[in-house]
Amino acid sequence: MSVSHELEAGTDLVVGVRDRFQRISETLFAFVARTLWRIADPLCGMKGYKLSKLKTIDQLHTYPSIGTELTLLAARRKWEVGSGKWEVGSGKWEVGSGKWEVGSSSGASLHA
């Protein structure tokens, strides 16, 4: 299922899950997040949000955090959170059978 289909099917937030972490602190934080909120990689920058859920939040962030603050807020508010594999350095994001390829200037596009 693609990221957009996940969101249309009821998932409120889709979070990327990288195949490796860049720093030991990211590994530790991922362990804590998985334990407390069942979110495998809240520090991954690849995220898809349901717009109707974003509209319920007064302030999307209080500091620049690549969406981590918003992801943890979503978990506390019991949003439906899904995930997809992100291959670090490849530009490929996979959620079910849908694949996103991220271009250098064009943003992201969906490939079936």
PDB file of N, CA and C in Angstrom:
ATOM      1  N   MET A   1       0.852  -1.178   0.000  1.00  0.00           N
ATOM      2  CA  MET A   1       0.000   0.000   0.000  1.00  0.00           C
ATOM      3  C   MET A   1       0.893   1.234   0.000  1.00  0.00           C
ATOM      4  N   SER A   2       0.542   2.252  -0.775  1.00  0.00           N
ATOM      5  CA  SER A   2       1.352   3.468  -0.850  1.00  0.00           C
ATOM      6  C   SER A   2       1.105   4.362   0.360  1.00  0.00           C
ATOM      7  N   VAL A   3       1.959   5.345   0.523  1.00  0.00           N
ATOM      8  CA  VAL A   3       1.811   6.287   1.631  1.00  0.00           C
ATOM      9  C   VAL A   3       0.455   6.984   1.541  1.00  0.00           C
ATOM     10  N   SER A   4       0.079   7.461   0.353  1.00  0.00           N
ATOM     11  CA  SER A   4      -1.201   8.152   0.206  1.00  0.00           C
ATOM     12  C   SER A   4      -2.367   7.218   0.486  1.00  0.00           C
ATOM     13  N   HIS A   5      -2.262   5.954   0.062  1.00  0.00           N
ATOM     14  CA  HIS A   5      -3.332   4.994   0.357  1.00  0.00           C
ATOM     15  C   HIS A   5      -3.409   4.692   1.844  1.00  0.00           C
ATOM     16  N   GLU A   6      -2.256   4.611   2.499  1.00  0.00           N
ATOM     17  CA  GLU A   6      -2.238   4.409   3.957  1.00  0.00           C
ATOM     18  C   GLU A   6      -3.006   5.533   4.645  1.00  0.00           C
ATOM     19  N   LEU A   7      -2.741   6.767   4.223  1.00  0.00           N
ATOM     20  CA  LEU A   7      -3.411   7.921   4.832  1.00  0.00           C
ATOM     21  C   LEU A   7      -4.903   7.908   4.519  1.00  0.00           C
ATOM     22  N   GLU A   8      -5.260   7.576   3.287  1.00  0.00           N
ATOM     23  CA  GLU A   8      -6.672   7.517   2.904  1.00  0.00           C
ATOM     24  C   GLU A   8      -7.402   6.384   3.618  1.00  0.00           C
ATOM     25  N   ALA A   9      -6.686   5.321   3.966  1.00  0.00           N
ATOM     26  CA  ALA A   9      -7.293   4.166   4.622  1.00  0.00           C
ATOM     27  C   ALA A   9      -7.451   4.347   6.130  1.00  0.00           C
ATOM     28  N   GLY A  10      -6.999   5.490   6.656  1.00  0.00           N
ATOM     29  CA  GLY A  10      -7.212   5.745   8.076  1.00  0.00           C
ATOM     30  C   GLY A  10      -5.972   5.982   8.904  1.00  0.00           C
ATOM     31  N   THR A  11      -4.804   5.721   8.352  1.00  0.00           N
ATOM     32  CA  THR A  11      -3.580   6.021   9.094  1.00  0.00           C
ATOM     33  C   THR A  11      -3.416   7.538   9.144  1.00  0.00           C
ATOM     34  N   ASP A  12      -3.100   8.066  10.321  1.00  0.00           N
ATOM     35  CA  ASP A  12      -2.982   9.510  10.490  1.00  0.00           C
ATOM     36  C   ASP A  12      -1.578  10.023  10.197  1.00  0.00           C
ATOM     37  N   LEU A  13      -0.587   9.159  10.381  1.00  0.00           N
ATOM     38  CA  LEU A  13       0.804   9.538  10.207  1.00  0.00           C
ATOM     39  C   LEU A  13       1.581   8.315   9.739  1.00  0.00           C
ATOM     40  N   VAL A  14       2.360   8.470   8.681  1.00  0.00           N
ATOM     41  CA  VAL A  14       3.248   7.406   8.202  1.00  0.00           C
ATOM     42  C   VAL A  14       4.681   7.888   8.422  1.00  0.00           C
ATOM     43  N   VAL A  15       5.456   7.110   9.162  1.00  0.00           N
ATOM     44  CA  VAL A  15       6.824   7.481   9.518  1.00  0.00           C
ATOM     45  C   VAL A  15       7.800   6.518   8.846  1.00  0.00           C
ATOM     46  N   GLY A  16       8.834   7.074   8.225  1.00  0.00           N
ATOM     47  CA  GLY A  16       9.871   6.236   7.625  1.00  0.00           C
ATOM     48  C   GLY A  16      10.666   5.495   8.680  1.00  0.00           C
ATOM     49  N   VAL A  17      11.187   4.336   8.303  1.00  0.00           N
ATOM     50  CA  VAL A  17      12.072   3.562   9.170  1.00  0.00           C
ATOM     51  C   VAL A  17      13.335   3.301   8.368  1.00  0.00           C
ATOM     52  N   ARG A  18      14.429   3.937   8.782  1.00  0.00           N
ATOM     53  CA  ARG A  18      15.695   3.796   8.059  1.00  0.00           C
ATOM     54  C   ARG A  18      16.297   2.414   8.261  1.00  0.00           C
ATOM     55  N   ASP A  19      17.068   1.968   7.284  1.00  0.00           N
ATOM     56  CA  ASP A  19      17.720   0.669   7.387  1.00  0.00           C
ATOM     57  C   ASP A  19      18.942   0.708   8.313  1.00  0.00           C
ATOM     58  N   ARG A  20      19.396   1.900   8.656  1.00  0.00           N
ATOM     59  CA  ARG A  20      20.492   2.041   9.621  1.00  0.00           C
ATOM     60  C   ARG A  20      20.431   3.449  10.226  1.00  0.00           C
ATOM     61  N   PHE A  21      20.988   3.562  11.434  1.00  0.00           N
ATOM     62  CA  PHE A  21      21.051   4.854  12.106  1.00  0.00           C
ATOM     63  C   PHE A  21      22.431   5.449  11.926  1.00  0.00           C
ATOM     64  N   GLN A  22      22.503   6.772  11.893  1.00  0.00           N
ATOM     65  CA  GLN A  22      23.770   7.452  11.673  1.00  0.00           C
ATOM     66  C   GLN A  22      24.587   7.617  12.959  1.00  0.00           C
ATOM     67  N   ARG A  23      23.908   7.668  14.106  1.00  0.00           N
ATOM     68  CA  ARG A  23      24.584   7.932  15.377  1.00  0.00           C
ATOM     69  C   ARG A  23      24.068   6.984  16.464  1.00  0.00           C
ATOM     70  N   ILE A  24      24.882   6.720  17.463  1.00  0.00           N
ATOM     71  CA  ILE A  24      24.474   5.856  18.572  1.00  0.00           C
ATOM     72  C   ILE A  24      23.304   6.470  19.328  1.00  0.00           C
ATOM     73  N   SER A  25      23.259   7.799  19.427  1.00  0.00           N
ATOM     74  CA  SER A  25      22.151   8.459  20.126  1.00  0.00           C
ATOM     75  C   SER A  25      20.824   8.202  19.408  1.00  0.00           C
ATOM     76  N   GLU A  26      20.845   8.096  18.089  1.00  0.00           N
ATOM     77  CA  GLU A  26      19.635   7.787  17.336  1.00  0.00           C
ATOM     78  C   GLU A  26      19.160   6.367  17.629  1.00  0.00           C
ATOM     79  N   THR A  27      20.106   5.444  17.773  1.00  0.00           N
ATOM     80  CA  THR A  27      19.777   4.060  18.108  1.00  0.00           C
ATOM     81  C   THR A  27      19.113   3.999  19.480  1.00  0.00           C
ATOM     82  N   LEU A  28      19.671   4.727  20.434  1.00  0.00           N
ATOM     83  CA  LEU A  28      19.113   4.744  21.790  1.00  0.00           C
ATOM     84  C   LEU A  28      17.720   5.381  21.812  1.00  0.00           C
ATOM     85  N   PHE A  29      17.565   6.514  21.104  1.00  0.00           N
ATOM     86  CA  PHE A  29      16.267   7.178  21.076  1.00  0.00           C
ATOM     87  C   PHE A  29      15.231   6.305  20.381  1.00  0.00           C
ATOM     88  N   ALA A  30      15.628   5.600  19.325  1.00  0.00           N
ATOM     89  CA  ALA A  30      14.707   4.702  18.627  1.00  0.00           C
ATOM     90  C   ALA A  30      14.251   3.578  19.561  1.00  0.00           C
ATOM     91  N   PHE A  31      15.155   3.070  20.390  1.00  0.00           N
ATOM     92  CA  PHE A  31      14.787   2.033  21.351  1.00  0.00           C
ATOM     93  C   PHE A  31      13.735   2.552  22.334  1.00  0.00           C
ATOM     94  N   VAL A  32      13.956   3.752  22.852  1.00  0.00           N
ATOM     95  CA  VAL A  32      13.006   4.358  23.790  1.00  0.00           C
ATOM     96  C   VAL A  32      11.654   4.585  23.112  1.00  0.00           C
ATOM     97  N   ALA A  33      11.676   5.139  21.896  1.00  0.00           N
ATOM     98  CA  ALA A  33      10.431   5.429  21.176  1.00  0.00           C
ATOM     99  C   ALA A  33       9.665   4.148  20.849  1.00  0.00           C
ATOM    100  N   ARG A  34      10.392   3.110  20.478  1.00  0.00           N
ATOM    101  CA  ARG A  34       9.740   1.829  20.164  1.00  0.00           C
ATOM    102  C   ARG A  34       9.102   1.246  21.426  1.00  0.00           C
ATOM    103  N   THR A  35       9.785   1.386  22.544  1.00  0.00           N
ATOM    104  CA  THR A  35       9.288   0.855  23.807  1.00  0.00           C
ATOM    105  C   THR A  35       8.078   1.636  24.318  1.00  0.00           C
ATOM    106  N   LEU A  36       8.160   2.962  24.292  1.00  0.00           N
ATOM    107  CA  LEU A  36       7.095   3.796  24.857  1.00  0.00           C
ATOM    108  C   LEU A  36       5.912   4.026  23.920  1.00  0.00           C
ATOM    109  N   TRP A  37       6.184   4.222  22.625  1.00  0.00           N
ATOM    110  CA  TRP A  37       5.127   4.644  21.705  1.00  0.00           C
ATOM    111  C   TRP A  37       4.938   3.726  20.504  1.00  0.00           C
ATOM    112  N   ARG A  38       5.721   2.647  20.413  1.00  0.00           N
ATOM    113  CA  ARG A  38       5.666   1.714  19.274  1.00  0.00           C
ATOM    114  C   ARG A  38       5.962   2.409  17.944  1.00  0.00           C
ATOM    115  N   ILE A  39       6.872   3.376  17.974  1.00  0.00           N
ATOM    116  CA  ILE A  39       7.333   4.065  16.765  1.00  0.00           C
ATOM    117  C   ILE A  39       8.812   3.706  16.601  1.00  0.00           C
ATOM    118  N   ALA A  40       9.131   3.026  15.502  1.00  0.00           N
ATOM    119  CA  ALA A  40      10.469   2.460  15.328  1.00  0.00           C
ATOM    120  C   ALA A  40      11.554   3.502  15.080  1.00  0.00           C
ATOM    121  N   ASP A  41      11.233   4.589  14.377  1.00  0.00           N
ATOM    122  CA  ASP A  41      12.280   5.557  14.002  1.00  0.00           C
ATOM    123  C   ASP A  41      11.709   6.974  13.924  1.00  0.00           C
ATOM    124  N   PRO A  42      11.373   7.576  15.066  1.00  0.00           N
ATOM    125  CA  PRO A  42      10.777   8.915  15.041  1.00  0.00           C
ATOM    126  C   PRO A  42      11.708  10.003  14.512  1.00  0.00           C
ATOM    127  N   LEU A  43      13.014   9.718  14.430  1.00  0.00           N
ATOM    128  CA  LEU A  43      13.968  10.706  13.936  1.00  0.00           C
ATOM    129  C   LEU A  43      14.119  10.685  12.419  1.00  0.00           C
ATOM    130  N   CYS A  44      13.518   9.717  11.759  1.00  0.00           N
ATOM    131  CA  CYS A  44      13.576   9.684  10.296  1.00  0.00           C
ATOM    132  C   CYS A  44      12.807  10.891   9.756  1.00  0.00           C
ATOM    133  N   GLY A  45      13.377  11.571   8.794  1.00  0.00           N
ATOM    134  CA  GLY A  45      12.746  12.770   8.239  1.00  0.00           C
ATOM    135  C   GLY A  45      11.605  12.494   7.285  1.00  0.00           C
ATOM    136  N   MET A  46      11.470  11.253   6.807  1.00  0.00           N
ATOM    137  CA  MET A  46      10.396  10.918   5.868  1.00  0.00           C
ATOM    138  C   MET A  46       9.113  10.644   6.649  1.00  0.00           C
ATOM    139  N   LYS A  47       8.134  11.517   6.455  1.00  0.00           N
ATOM    140  CA  LYS A  47       6.863  11.379   7.150  1.00  0.00           C
ATOM    141  C   LYS A  47       5.736  11.817   6.232  1.00  0.00           C
ATOM    142  N   GLY A  48       4.588  11.200   6.368  1.00  0.00           N
ATOM    143  CA  GLY A  48       3.386  11.612   5.656  1.00  0.00           C
ATOM    144  C   GLY A  48       2.294  11.848   6.679  1.00  0.00           C
ATOM    145  N   TYR A  49       1.617  12.994   6.589  1.00  0.00           N
ATOM    146  CA  TYR A  49       0.611  13.374   7.574  1.00  0.00           C
ATOM    147  C   TYR A  49      -0.767  13.476   6.932  1.00  0.00           C
ATOM    148  N   LYS A  50      -1.784  13.131   7.700  1.00  0.00           N
ATOM    149  CA  LYS A  50      -3.156  13.373   7.271  1.00  0.00           C
ATOM    150  C   LYS A  50      -3.465  14.838   7.575  1.00  0.00           C
ATOM    151  N   LEU A  51      -3.822  15.595   6.567  1.00  0.00           N
ATOM    152  CA  LEU A  51      -4.035  17.032   6.711  1.00  0.00           C
ATOM    153  C   LEU A  51      -5.103  17.351   7.752  1.00  0.00           C
ATOM    154  N   SER A  52      -6.168  16.568   7.804  1.00  0.00           N
ATOM    155  CA  SER A  52      -7.234  16.841   8.773  1.00  0.00           C
ATOM    156  C   SER A  52      -6.719  16.751  10.210  1.00  0.00           C
ATOM    157  N   LYS A  53      -5.744  15.892  10.459  1.00  0.00           N
ATOM    158  CA  LYS A  53      -5.161  15.793  11.800  1.00  0.00           C
ATOM    159  C   LYS A  53      -4.262  16.995  12.096  1.00  0.00           C
ATOM    160  N   LEU A  54      -3.495  17.426  11.096  1.00  0.00           N
ATOM    161  CA  LEU A  54      -2.619  18.579  11.301  1.00  0.00           C
ATOM    162  C   LEU A  54      -3.417  19.830  11.637  1.00  0.00           C
ATOM    163  N   LYS A  55      -4.608  19.935  11.067  1.00  0.00           N
ATOM    164  CA  LYS A  55      -5.452  21.111  11.316  1.00  0.00           C
ATOM    165  C   LYS A  55      -5.950  21.184  12.752  1.00  0.00           C
ATOM    166  N   THR A  56      -5.840  20.094  13.507  1.00  0.00           N
ATOM    167  CA  THR A  56      -6.296  20.088  14.904  1.00  0.00           C
ATOM    168  C   THR A  56      -5.229  20.588  15.869  1.00  0.00           C
ATOM    169  N   ILE A  57      -4.051  20.895  15.355  1.00  0.00           N
ATOM    170  CA  ILE A  57      -2.927  21.311  16.199  1.00  0.00           C
ATOM    171  C   ILE A  57      -2.689  22.809  16.040  1.00  0.00           C
ATOM    172  N   ASP A  58      -2.633  23.516  17.164  1.00  0.00           N
ATOM    173  CA  ASP A  58      -2.420  24.962  17.129  1.00  0.00           C
ATOM    174  C   ASP A  58      -1.032  25.332  16.637  1.00  0.00           C
ATOM    175  N   GLN A  59      -0.015  24.678  17.164  1.00  0.00           N
ATOM    176  CA  GLN A  59       1.368  24.987  16.814  1.00  0.00           C
ATOM    177  C   GLN A  59       2.046  23.677  16.414  1.00  0.00           C
ATOM    178  N   LEU A  60       2.490  23.589  15.163  1.00  0.00           N
ATOM    179  CA  LEU A  60       3.049  22.335  14.663  1.00  0.00           C
ATOM    180  C   LEU A  60       4.389  21.978  15.292  1.00  0.00           C
ATOM    181  N   HIS A  61       5.169  22.965  15.684  1.00  0.00           N
ATOM    182  CA  HIS A  61       6.427  22.680  16.373  1.00  0.00           C
ATOM    183  C   HIS A  61       6.894  23.911  17.133  1.00  0.00           C
ATOM    184  N   THR A  62       7.673  23.658  18.176  1.00  0.00           N
ATOM    185  CA  THR A  62       8.249  24.759  18.958  1.00  0.00           C
ATOM    186  C   THR A  62       9.744  24.882  18.712  1.00  0.00           C
ATOM    187  N   TYR A  63      10.322  23.925  17.996  1.00  0.00           N
ATOM    188  CA  TYR A  63      11.733  23.968  17.606  1.00  0.00           C
ATOM    189  C   TYR A  63      11.894  23.103  16.352  1.00  0.00           C
ATOM    190  N   PRO A  64      12.922  23.346  15.543  1.00  0.00           N
ATOM    191  CA  PRO A  64      13.104  22.558  14.321  1.00  0.00           C
ATOM    192  C   PRO A  64      13.536  21.131  14.660  1.00  0.00           C
ATOM    193  N   SER A  65      12.683  20.140  14.322  1.00  0.00           N
ATOM    194  CA  SER A  65      12.979  18.765  14.737  1.00  0.00           C
ATOM    195  C   SER A  65      12.629  17.726  13.679  1.00  0.00           C
ATOM    196  N   ILE A  66      12.617  18.096  12.404  1.00  0.00           N
ATOM    197  CA  ILE A  66      12.253  17.210  11.288  1.00  0.00           C
ATOM    198  C   ILE A  66      10.979  16.413  11.565  1.00  0.00           C
ATOM    199  N   GLY A  67      10.073  17.014  12.313  1.00  0.00           N
ATOM    200  CA  GLY A  67       8.790  16.373  12.590  1.00  0.00           C
ATOM    201  C   GLY A  67       8.786  15.445  13.781  1.00  0.00           C
ATOM    202  N   THR A  68       9.894  15.336  14.494  1.00  0.00           N
ATOM    203  CA  THR A  68       9.951  14.430  15.642  1.00  0.00           C
ATOM    204  C   THR A  68       9.003  14.880  16.741  1.00  0.00           C
ATOM    205  N   GLU A  69       8.985  16.163  17.024  1.00  0.00           N
ATOM    206  CA  GLU A  69       8.088  16.696  18.051  1.00  0.00           C
ATOM    207  C   GLU A  69       6.633  16.397  17.689  1.00  0.00           C
ATOM    208  N   LEU A  70       6.282  16.597  16.431  1.00  0.00           N
ATOM    209  CA  LEU A  70       4.921  16.337  15.968  1.00  0.00           C
ATOM    210  C   LEU A  70       4.601  14.839  16.009  1.00  0.00           C
ATOM    211  N   THR A  71       5.566  14.009  15.705  1.00  0.00           N
ATOM    212  CA  THR A  71       5.374  12.556  15.760  1.00  0.00           C
ATOM    213  C   THR A  71       5.076  12.104  17.187  1.00  0.00           C
ATOM    214  N   LEU A  72       5.811  12.630  18.150  1.00  0.00           N
ATOM    215  CA  LEU A  72       5.585  12.254  19.547  1.00  0.00           C
ATOM    216  C   LEU A  72       4.257  12.814  20.055  1.00  0.00           C
ATOM    217  N   LEU A  73       3.879  14.005  19.598  1.00  0.00           N
ATOM    218  CA  LEU A  73       2.563  14.557  19.932  1.00  0.00           C
ATOM    219  C   LEU A  73       1.466  13.651  19.382  1.00  0.00           C
ATOM    220  N   ALA A  74       1.642  13.187  18.156  1.00  0.00           N
ATOM    221  CA  ALA A  74       0.670  12.280  17.539  1.00  0.00           C
ATOM    222  C   ALA A  74       0.538  10.996  18.360  1.00  0.00           C
ATOM    223  N   ALA A  75       1.650  10.462  18.824  1.00  0.00           N
ATOM    224  CA  ALA A  75       1.622   9.247  19.641  1.00  0.00           C
ATOM    225  C   ALA A  75       0.877   9.490  20.950  1.00  0.00           C
ATOM    226  N   ARG A  76       1.144  10.629  21.585  1.00  0.00           N
ATOM    227  CA  ARG A  76       0.450  10.953  22.851  1.00  0.00           C
ATOM    228  C   ARG A  76      -1.047  11.147  22.636  1.00  0.00           C
ATOM    229  N   ARG A  77      -1.420  11.652  21.462  1.00  0.00           N
ATOM    230  CA  ARG A  77      -2.843  11.870  21.157  1.00  0.00           C
ATOM    231  C   ARG A  77      -3.506  10.615  20.571  1.00  0.00           C
ATOM    232  N   LYS A  78      -2.764   9.520  20.543  1.00  0.00           N
ATOM    233  CA  LYS A  78      -3.282   8.225  20.084  1.00  0.00           C
ATOM    234  C   LYS A  78      -3.693   8.227  18.615  1.00  0.00           C
ATOM    235  N   TRP A  79      -2.950   8.962  17.788  1.00  0.00           N
ATOM    236  CA  TRP A  79      -3.181   8.904  16.346  1.00  0.00           C
ATOM    237  C   TRP A  79      -2.798   7.510  15.862  1.00  0.00           C
ATOM    238  N   GLU A  80      -3.365   7.110  14.746  1.00  0.00           N
ATOM    239  CA  GLU A  80      -2.975   5.859  14.094  1.00  0.00           C
ATOM    240  C   GLU A  80      -1.660   6.124  13.348  1.00  0.00           C
ATOM    241  N   VAL A  81      -0.583   5.459  13.766  1.00  0.00           N
ATOM    242  CA  VAL A  81       0.738   5.691  13.185  1.00  0.00           C
ATOM    243  C   VAL A  81       1.194   4.436  12.444  1.00  0.00           C
ATOM    244  N   GLY A  82       1.534   4.606  11.162  1.00  0.00           N
ATOM    245  CA  GLY A  82       2.077   3.521  10.358  1.00  0.00           C
ATOM    246  C   GLY A  82       3.536   3.792  10.058  1.00  0.00           C
ATOM    247  N   SER A  83       4.185   2.862   9.366  1.00  0.00           N
ATOM    248  CA  SER A  83       5.598   3.055   9.051  1.00  0.00           C
ATOM    249  C   SER A  83       5.930   2.445   7.693  1.00  0.00           C
ATOM    250  N   GLY A  84       7.060   2.881   7.158  1.00  0.00           N
ATOM    251  CA  GLY A  84       7.551   2.362   5.887  1.00  0.00           C
ATOM    252  C   GLY A  84       9.058   2.340   5.886  1.00  0.00           C
ATOM    253  N   LYS A  85       9.646   1.390   5.157  1.00  0.00           N
ATOM    254  CA  LYS A  85      11.109   1.261   5.115  1.00  0.00           C
ATOM    255  C   LYS A  85      11.724   2.396   4.293  1.00  0.00           C
ATOM    256  N   TRP A  86      12.812   2.952   4.796  1.00  0.00           N
ATOM    257  CA  TRP A  86      13.559   4.002   4.100  1.00  0.00           C
ATOM    258  C   TRP A  86      14.992   3.523   3.973  1.00  0.00           C
ATOM    259  N   GLU A  87      15.487   3.400   2.736  1.00  0.00           N
ATOM    260  CA  GLU A  87      16.865   2.980   2.499  1.00  0.00           C
ATOM    261  C   GLU A  87      17.748   4.227   2.491  1.00  0.00           C
ATOM    262  N   VAL A  88      18.580   4.363   3.507  1.00  0.00           N
ATOM    263  CA  VAL A  88      19.428   5.540   3.657  1.00  0.00           C
ATOM    264  C   VAL A  88      20.338   5.685   2.440  1.00  0.00           C
ATOM    265  N   GLY A  89      20.327   6.870   1.853  1.00  0.00           N
ATOM    266  CA  GLY A  89      21.189   7.167   0.729  1.00  0.00           C
ATOM    267  C   GLY A  89      20.661   6.739  -0.625  1.00  0.00           C
ATOM    268  N   SER A  90      19.594   5.929  -0.646  1.00  0.00           N
ATOM    269  CA  SER A  90      19.090   5.427  -1.927  1.00  0.00           C
ATOM    270  C   SER A  90      17.992   6.307  -2.507  1.00  0.00           C
ATOM    271  N   GLY A  91      17.323   7.082  -1.650  1.00  0.00           N
ATOM    272  CA  GLY A  91      16.198   7.888  -2.118  1.00  0.00           C
ATOM    273  C   GLY A  91      14.945   7.069  -2.311  1.00  0.00           C
ATOM    274  N   LYS A  92      14.848   5.889  -1.694  1.00  0.00           N
ATOM    275  CA  LYS A  92      13.675   5.023  -1.864  1.00  0.00           C
ATOM    276  C   LYS A  92      12.964   4.808  -0.535  1.00  0.00           C
ATOM    277  N   TRP A  93      11.657   4.968  -0.577  1.00  0.00           N
ATOM    278  CA  TRP A  93      10.817   4.772   0.601  1.00  0.00           C
ATOM    279  C   TRP A  93       9.738   3.789   0.229  1.00  0.00           C
ATOM    280  N   GLU A  94       9.591   2.717   0.972  1.00  0.00           N
ATOM    281  CA  GLU A  94       8.662   1.658   0.626  1.00  0.00           C
ATOM    282  C   GLU A  94       7.641   1.455   1.738  1.00  0.00           C
ATOM    283  N   VAL A  95       6.355   1.527   1.377  1.00  0.00           N
ATOM    284  CA  VAL A  95       5.268   1.246   2.306  1.00  0.00           C
ATOM    285  C   VAL A  95       4.406   0.208   1.622  1.00  0.00           C
ATOM    286  N   GLY A  96       4.415  -1.013   2.122  1.00  0.00           N
ATOM    287  CA  GLY A  96       3.695  -2.085   1.459  1.00  0.00           C
ATOM    288  C   GLY A  96       4.229  -2.280   0.054  1.00  0.00           C
ATOM    289  N   SER A  97       3.348  -2.265  -0.947  1.00  0.00           N
ATOM    290  CA  SER A  97       3.786  -2.459  -2.328  1.00  0.00           C
ATOM    291  C   SER A  97       4.049  -1.142  -3.051  1.00  0.00           C
ATOM    292  N   GLY A  98       3.739   0.004  -2.425  1.00  0.00           N
ATOM    293  CA  GLY A  98       3.997   1.300  -3.048  1.00  0.00           C
ATOM    294  C   GLY A  98       5.408   1.758  -2.769  1.00  0.00           C
ATOM    295  N   LYS A  99       6.026   2.423  -3.728  1.00  0.00           N
ATOM    296  CA  LYS A  99       7.395   2.908  -3.546  1.00  0.00           C
ATOM    297  C   LYS A  99       7.471   4.373  -3.901  1.00  0.00           C
ATOM    298  N   TRP A 100       8.142   5.141  -3.049  1.00  0.00           N
ATOM    299  CA  TRP A 100       8.408   6.555  -3.312  1.00  0.00           C
ATOM    300  C   TRP A 100       9.859   6.670  -3.719  1.00  0.00           C
ATOM    301  N   GLU A 101      10.126   7.448  -4.740  1.00  0.00           N
ATOM    302  CA  GLU A 101      11.513   7.756  -5.089  1.00  0.00           C
ATOM    303  C   GLU A 101      11.676   9.262  -4.986  1.00  0.00           C
ATOM    304  N   VAL A 102      12.632   9.699  -4.221  1.00  0.00           N
ATOM    305  CA  VAL A 102      12.835  11.096  -3.960  1.00  0.00           C
ATOM    306  C   VAL A 102      13.898  11.629  -4.908  1.00  0.00           C
ATOM    307  N   GLY A 103      13.524  12.612  -5.727  1.00  0.00           N
ATOM    308  CA  GLY A 103      14.470  13.218  -6.667  1.00  0.00           C
ATOM    309  C   GLY A 103      15.181  14.385  -6.032  1.00  0.00           C
ATOM    310  N   SER A 104      16.242  14.831  -6.650  1.00  0.00           N
ATOM    311  CA  SER A 104      17.039  15.907  -6.083  1.00  0.00           C
ATOM    312  C   SER A 104      16.319  17.233  -6.104  1.00  0.00           C
ATOM    313  N   SER A 105      15.447  17.477  -7.085  1.00  0.00           N
ATOM    314  CA  SER A 105      14.768  18.763  -7.131  1.00  0.00           C
ATOM    315  C   SER A 105      13.253  18.632  -7.255  1.00  0.00           C
ATOM    316  N   SER A 106      12.768  17.466  -7.563  1.00  0.00           N
ATOM    317  CA  SER A 106      11.346  17.327  -7.841  1.00  0.00           C
ATOM    318  C   SER A 106      10.522  16.895  -6.654  1.00  0.00           C
ATOM    319  N   GLY A 107      11.117  16.692  -5.509  1.00  0.00           N
ATOM    320  CA  GLY A 107      10.359  16.223  -4.354  1.00  0.00           C
ATOM    321  C   GLY A 107      10.174  14.729  -4.438  1.00  0.00           C
ATOM    322  N   ALA A 108       8.973  14.242  -4.157  1.00  0.00           N
ATOM    323  CA  ALA A 108       8.742  12.802  -4.144  1.00  0.00           C
ATOM    324  C   ALA A 108       7.650  12.458  -5.153  1.00  0.00           C
ATOM    325  N   SER A 109       7.767  11.291  -5.734  1.00  0.00           N
ATOM    326  CA  SER A 109       6.731  10.819  -6.639  1.00  0.00           C
ATOM    327  C   SER A 109       6.454   9.361  -6.354  1.00  0.00           C
ATOM    328  N   LEU A 110       5.243   8.935  -6.561  1.00  0.00           N
ATOM    329  CA  LEU A 110       4.816   7.569  -6.243  1.00  0.00           C
ATOM    330  C   LEU A 110       4.991   6.661  -7.438  1.00  0.00           C
ATOM    331  N   HIS A 111       5.568   5.501  -7.224  1.00  0.00           N
ATOM    332  CA  HIS A 111       5.710   4.491  -8.271  1.00  0.00           C
ATOM    333  C   HIS A 111       5.029   3.214  -7.792  1.00  0.00           C
ATOM    334  N   ALA A 112       4.168   2.648  -8.621  1.00  0.00           N
ATOM    335  CA  ALA A 112       3.476   1.418  -8.241  1.00  0.00           C
ATOM    336  C   ALA A 112       4.376   0.211  -8.425  1.00  0.00           C
TER     337      ALA A 112
END
